[in-house]
Amino acid sequence: MKYKVRYLETVRHDREAIKIYLDRYSATAAKRLFDKIKSRMEFVKSNPYIHESYGKRPQFRRMVVDGYLVFYKVTEESKTIEVHRILHGMVDVEQHM
């Protein structure tokens, strides 16, 4: 059974910040990154537990895509995957979660 994916408002802000940053280097880099994340989430819909739980906050799962960390939670009752954050791997994750 496929789960539904829901992106929280925090992800919209993360995407805007990533786009602004990547646009300085390439007009298409942000689109490629977001397309790759979307494609990987399509696989996660059928396999929500494929990625490791995040050690400090085990309710979250962490998917790595091109140096970015995608944090999501799985809710069994509603069969929903909530994407909470997309953060660069070099940031202090604890300050942003």
N, C-alpha and C. Protein backbone atom coordinates (compact mmCIF):
# COMPACT_ATOMS: atom_id res chain seq x y z
N MET A 1 0.84 -1.19 0.00
CA MET A 1 0.00 0.00 0.00
C MET A 1 0.88 1.24 0.00
N LYS A 2 0.51 2.19 -0.83
CA LYS A 2 1.26 3.43 -0.89
C LYS A 2 0.75 4.41 0.16
N TYR A 3 1.69 5.11 0.75
CA TYR A 3 1.38 6.15 1.73
C TYR A 3 1.25 7.47 0.99
N LYS A 4 0.56 8.41 1.61
CA LYS A 4 0.47 9.77 1.07
C LYS A 4 1.66 10.55 1.61
N VAL A 5 2.16 11.48 0.81
CA VAL A 5 3.25 12.35 1.26
C VAL A 5 2.69 13.75 1.46
N ARG A 6 3.02 14.31 2.61
CA ARG A 6 2.59 15.67 2.94
C ARG A 6 3.83 16.47 3.33
N TYR A 7 4.04 17.59 2.64
CA TYR A 7 5.17 18.47 2.93
C TYR A 7 4.69 19.58 3.86
N LEU A 8 5.34 19.74 4.99
CA LEU A 8 4.97 20.77 5.94
C LEU A 8 5.47 22.14 5.47
N GLU A 9 4.93 23.18 6.08
CA GLU A 9 5.30 24.56 5.72
C GLU A 9 6.81 24.79 5.87
N THR A 10 7.42 24.15 6.85
CA THR A 10 8.86 24.32 7.05
C THR A 10 9.64 23.89 5.80
N VAL A 11 9.14 22.90 5.09
CA VAL A 11 9.81 22.43 3.88
C VAL A 11 9.72 23.49 2.78
N ARG A 12 8.61 24.19 2.72
CA ARG A 12 8.49 25.27 1.72
C ARG A 12 9.55 26.33 1.96
N HIS A 13 9.78 26.67 3.21
CA HIS A 13 10.82 27.65 3.54
C HIS A 13 12.21 27.09 3.22
N ASP A 14 12.43 25.82 3.55
CA ASP A 14 13.71 25.19 3.24
C ASP A 14 13.97 25.21 1.74
N ARG A 15 12.95 24.89 0.96
CA ARG A 15 13.10 24.88 -0.50
C ARG A 15 13.45 26.26 -1.04
N GLU A 16 12.80 27.28 -0.52
CA GLU A 16 13.09 28.64 -0.97
C GLU A 16 14.54 29.02 -0.67
N ALA A 17 15.00 28.70 0.54
CA ALA A 17 16.38 29.02 0.92
C ALA A 17 17.38 28.24 0.07
N ILE A 18 17.10 26.97 -0.18
CA ILE A 18 17.98 26.14 -1.01
C ILE A 18 18.03 26.70 -2.43
N LYS A 19 16.88 27.05 -2.96
CA LYS A 19 16.83 27.59 -4.32
C LYS A 19 17.64 28.88 -4.43
N ILE A 20 17.48 29.78 -3.49
CA ILE A 20 18.24 31.04 -3.51
C ILE A 20 19.74 30.74 -3.50
N TYR A 21 20.14 29.82 -2.64
CA TYR A 21 21.56 29.48 -2.54
C TYR A 21 22.07 28.83 -3.83
N LEU A 22 21.38 27.81 -4.32
CA LEU A 22 21.87 27.08 -5.49
C LEU A 22 21.78 27.90 -6.78
N ASP A 23 20.84 28.82 -6.87
CA ASP A 23 20.71 29.65 -8.07
C ASP A 23 21.96 30.51 -8.29
N ARG A 24 22.73 30.75 -7.24
CA ARG A 24 23.97 31.53 -7.40
C ARG A 24 24.99 30.76 -8.23
N TYR A 25 24.88 29.45 -8.26
CA TYR A 25 25.86 28.61 -8.94
C TYR A 25 25.35 28.00 -10.23
N SER A 26 24.06 27.74 -10.28
CA SER A 26 23.49 27.09 -11.46
C SER A 26 21.99 27.36 -11.50
N ALA A 27 21.51 27.71 -12.67
CA ALA A 27 20.09 28.00 -12.82
C ALA A 27 19.23 26.73 -12.70
N THR A 28 19.83 25.57 -12.87
CA THR A 28 19.06 24.33 -12.86
C THR A 28 19.36 23.41 -11.67
N ALA A 29 20.33 23.77 -10.84
CA ALA A 29 20.74 22.88 -9.75
C ALA A 29 19.61 22.62 -8.76
N ALA A 30 18.87 23.64 -8.39
CA ALA A 30 17.78 23.47 -7.42
C ALA A 30 16.70 22.57 -8.00
N LYS A 31 16.35 22.79 -9.25
CA LYS A 31 15.31 21.95 -9.88
C LYS A 31 15.76 20.49 -9.91
N ARG A 32 17.02 20.24 -10.25
CA ARG A 32 17.52 18.86 -10.28
C ARG A 32 17.45 18.23 -8.89
N LEU A 33 17.84 18.99 -7.86
CA LEU A 33 17.78 18.48 -6.50
C LEU A 33 16.35 18.15 -6.09
N PHE A 34 15.43 19.09 -6.33
CA PHE A 34 14.04 18.87 -5.92
C PHE A 34 13.39 17.74 -6.71
N ASP A 35 13.75 17.60 -7.99
CA ASP A 35 13.24 16.48 -8.79
C ASP A 35 13.75 15.15 -8.22
N LYS A 36 15.01 15.13 -7.81
CA LYS A 36 15.58 13.91 -7.25
C LYS A 36 14.91 13.55 -5.92
N ILE A 37 14.66 14.56 -5.09
CA ILE A 37 13.97 14.32 -3.81
C ILE A 37 12.56 13.78 -4.07
N LYS A 38 11.87 14.41 -5.00
CA LYS A 38 10.50 13.97 -5.33
C LYS A 38 10.51 12.52 -5.84
N SER A 39 11.46 12.20 -6.68
CA SER A 39 11.56 10.84 -7.21
C SER A 39 11.84 9.84 -6.09
N ARG A 40 12.74 10.18 -5.20
CA ARG A 40 13.05 9.28 -4.07
C ARG A 40 11.84 9.13 -3.16
N MET A 41 11.06 10.20 -2.97
CA MET A 41 9.87 10.11 -2.13
C MET A 41 8.83 9.20 -2.76
N GLU A 42 8.80 9.11 -4.07
CA GLU A 42 7.88 8.18 -4.73
C GLU A 42 8.19 6.75 -4.29
N PHE A 43 9.47 6.42 -4.18
CA PHE A 43 9.87 5.09 -3.71
C PHE A 43 9.52 4.91 -2.23
N VAL A 44 9.72 5.96 -1.44
CA VAL A 44 9.44 5.91 0.00
C VAL A 44 7.95 5.68 0.25
N LYS A 45 7.09 6.15 -0.65
CA LYS A 45 5.65 5.93 -0.49
C LYS A 45 5.31 4.46 -0.31
N SER A 46 6.04 3.60 -0.99
CA SER A 46 5.80 2.16 -0.89
C SER A 46 6.71 1.49 0.14
N ASN A 47 7.73 2.20 0.59
CA ASN A 47 8.72 1.64 1.52
C ASN A 47 9.08 2.68 2.58
N PRO A 48 8.14 3.09 3.41
CA PRO A 48 8.38 4.23 4.31
C PRO A 48 9.45 4.01 5.37
N TYR A 49 9.78 2.76 5.65
CA TYR A 49 10.77 2.49 6.70
C TYR A 49 12.15 2.14 6.14
N ILE A 50 12.36 2.42 4.87
CA ILE A 50 13.62 2.05 4.23
C ILE A 50 14.80 2.87 4.76
N HIS A 51 14.56 4.08 5.17
CA HIS A 51 15.65 4.94 5.66
C HIS A 51 15.77 4.83 7.18
N GLU A 52 16.98 5.03 7.64
CA GLU A 52 17.26 4.88 9.07
C GLU A 52 16.54 5.92 9.90
N SER A 53 16.24 5.56 11.14
CA SER A 53 15.68 6.55 12.05
C SER A 53 16.83 7.45 12.50
N TYR A 54 16.49 8.69 12.80
CA TYR A 54 17.49 9.67 13.20
C TYR A 54 17.77 9.48 14.68
N GLY A 55 19.00 9.16 15.02
CA GLY A 55 19.39 8.75 16.36
C GLY A 55 18.90 9.64 17.49
N LYS A 56 19.04 10.96 17.37
CA LYS A 56 18.66 11.85 18.46
C LYS A 56 17.16 12.05 18.56
N ARG A 57 16.48 11.81 17.48
CA ARG A 57 15.02 11.93 17.43
C ARG A 57 14.47 10.75 16.63
N PRO A 58 14.32 9.61 17.28
CA PRO A 58 13.98 8.39 16.55
C PRO A 58 12.60 8.39 15.89
N GLN A 59 11.76 9.36 16.20
CA GLN A 59 10.46 9.43 15.52
C GLN A 59 10.62 9.89 14.07
N PHE A 60 11.81 10.45 13.75
CA PHE A 60 12.10 10.90 12.39
C PHE A 60 12.95 9.87 11.65
N ARG A 61 12.76 9.82 10.36
CA ARG A 61 13.62 9.05 9.47
C ARG A 61 14.42 10.05 8.66
N ARG A 62 15.62 9.64 8.25
CA ARG A 62 16.51 10.56 7.53
C ARG A 62 16.93 9.95 6.21
N MET A 63 16.64 10.69 5.14
CA MET A 63 17.03 10.28 3.79
C MET A 63 18.08 11.27 3.29
N VAL A 64 19.17 10.77 2.73
CA VAL A 64 20.24 11.63 2.22
C VAL A 64 20.10 11.72 0.70
N VAL A 65 20.08 12.97 0.20
CA VAL A 65 20.00 13.20 -1.25
C VAL A 65 21.00 14.31 -1.59
N ASP A 66 22.06 13.95 -2.28
CA ASP A 66 23.06 14.91 -2.74
C ASP A 66 23.54 15.86 -1.64
N GLY A 67 23.85 15.35 -0.50
CA GLY A 67 24.36 16.17 0.59
C GLY A 67 23.30 16.87 1.41
N TYR A 68 22.04 16.69 1.07
CA TYR A 68 20.93 17.26 1.84
C TYR A 68 20.26 16.14 2.63
N LEU A 69 19.75 16.49 3.79
CA LEU A 69 19.07 15.54 4.66
C LEU A 69 17.58 15.84 4.64
N VAL A 70 16.80 14.85 4.30
CA VAL A 70 15.34 14.98 4.26
C VAL A 70 14.80 14.22 5.47
N PHE A 71 14.16 14.95 6.38
CA PHE A 71 13.62 14.35 7.60
C PHE A 71 12.12 14.18 7.46
N TYR A 72 11.65 12.96 7.75
CA TYR A 72 10.22 12.69 7.65
C TYR A 72 9.77 11.78 8.77
N LYS A 73 8.45 11.82 9.04
CA LYS A 73 7.81 10.94 10.01
C LYS A 73 6.77 10.09 9.28
N VAL A 74 6.61 8.88 9.76
CA VAL A 74 5.60 7.98 9.21
C VAL A 74 4.47 7.87 10.22
N THR A 75 3.24 8.11 9.76
CA THR A 75 2.06 7.98 10.61
C THR A 75 1.24 6.82 10.07
N GLU A 76 1.23 5.73 10.82
CA GLU A 76 0.54 4.52 10.37
C GLU A 76 -0.98 4.69 10.30
N GLU A 77 -1.55 5.37 11.28
CA GLU A 77 -3.01 5.50 11.34
C GLU A 77 -3.58 6.11 10.07
N SER A 78 -2.91 7.14 9.56
CA SER A 78 -3.41 7.82 8.35
C SER A 78 -2.63 7.42 7.10
N LYS A 79 -1.66 6.50 7.26
CA LYS A 79 -0.82 6.08 6.13
C LYS A 79 -0.23 7.31 5.43
N THR A 80 0.40 8.17 6.24
CA THR A 80 0.95 9.42 5.74
C THR A 80 2.43 9.53 6.08
N ILE A 81 3.17 10.08 5.16
CA ILE A 81 4.56 10.44 5.38
C ILE A 81 4.61 11.96 5.41
N GLU A 82 5.01 12.50 6.56
CA GLU A 82 5.11 13.96 6.71
C GLU A 82 6.57 14.35 6.58
N VAL A 83 6.88 15.15 5.57
CA VAL A 83 8.24 15.64 5.39
C VAL A 83 8.35 16.94 6.19
N HIS A 84 9.29 16.96 7.14
CA HIS A 84 9.42 18.08 8.07
C HIS A 84 10.51 19.07 7.68
N ARG A 85 11.64 18.59 7.20
CA ARG A 85 12.75 19.49 6.89
C ARG A 85 13.58 18.92 5.74
N ILE A 86 14.22 19.84 4.99
CA ILE A 86 15.27 19.51 4.04
C ILE A 86 16.42 20.42 4.41
N LEU A 87 17.49 19.84 4.94
CA LEU A 87 18.61 20.62 5.45
C LEU A 87 19.92 20.16 4.81
N HIS A 88 20.81 21.10 4.59
CA HIS A 88 22.12 20.72 4.09
C HIS A 88 22.84 19.93 5.17
N GLY A 89 23.60 18.94 4.78
CA GLY A 89 24.27 18.07 5.73
C GLY A 89 25.31 18.76 6.60
N MET A 90 25.71 19.98 6.25
CA MET A 90 26.72 20.69 7.03
C MET A 90 26.13 21.58 8.13
N VAL A 91 24.81 21.74 8.18
CA VAL A 91 24.22 22.60 9.20
C VAL A 91 24.08 21.84 10.51
N ASP A 92 23.91 22.58 11.59
CA ASP A 92 23.66 21.97 12.89
C ASP A 92 22.19 21.55 12.90
N VAL A 93 21.95 20.29 12.66
CA VAL A 93 20.58 19.78 12.53
C VAL A 93 19.77 20.05 13.79
N GLU A 94 20.35 19.86 14.93
CA GLU A 94 19.61 20.04 16.19
C GLU A 94 19.06 21.46 16.34
N GLN A 95 19.74 22.44 15.81
CA GLN A 95 19.24 23.81 15.91
C GLN A 95 18.05 24.06 14.98
N HIS A 96 17.89 23.21 13.99
CA HIS A 96 16.84 23.42 12.99
C HIS A 96 15.67 22.46 13.10
N MET A 97 15.73 21.52 14.01
CA MET A 97 14.65 20.54 14.12
C MET A 97 13.66 20.93 15.21
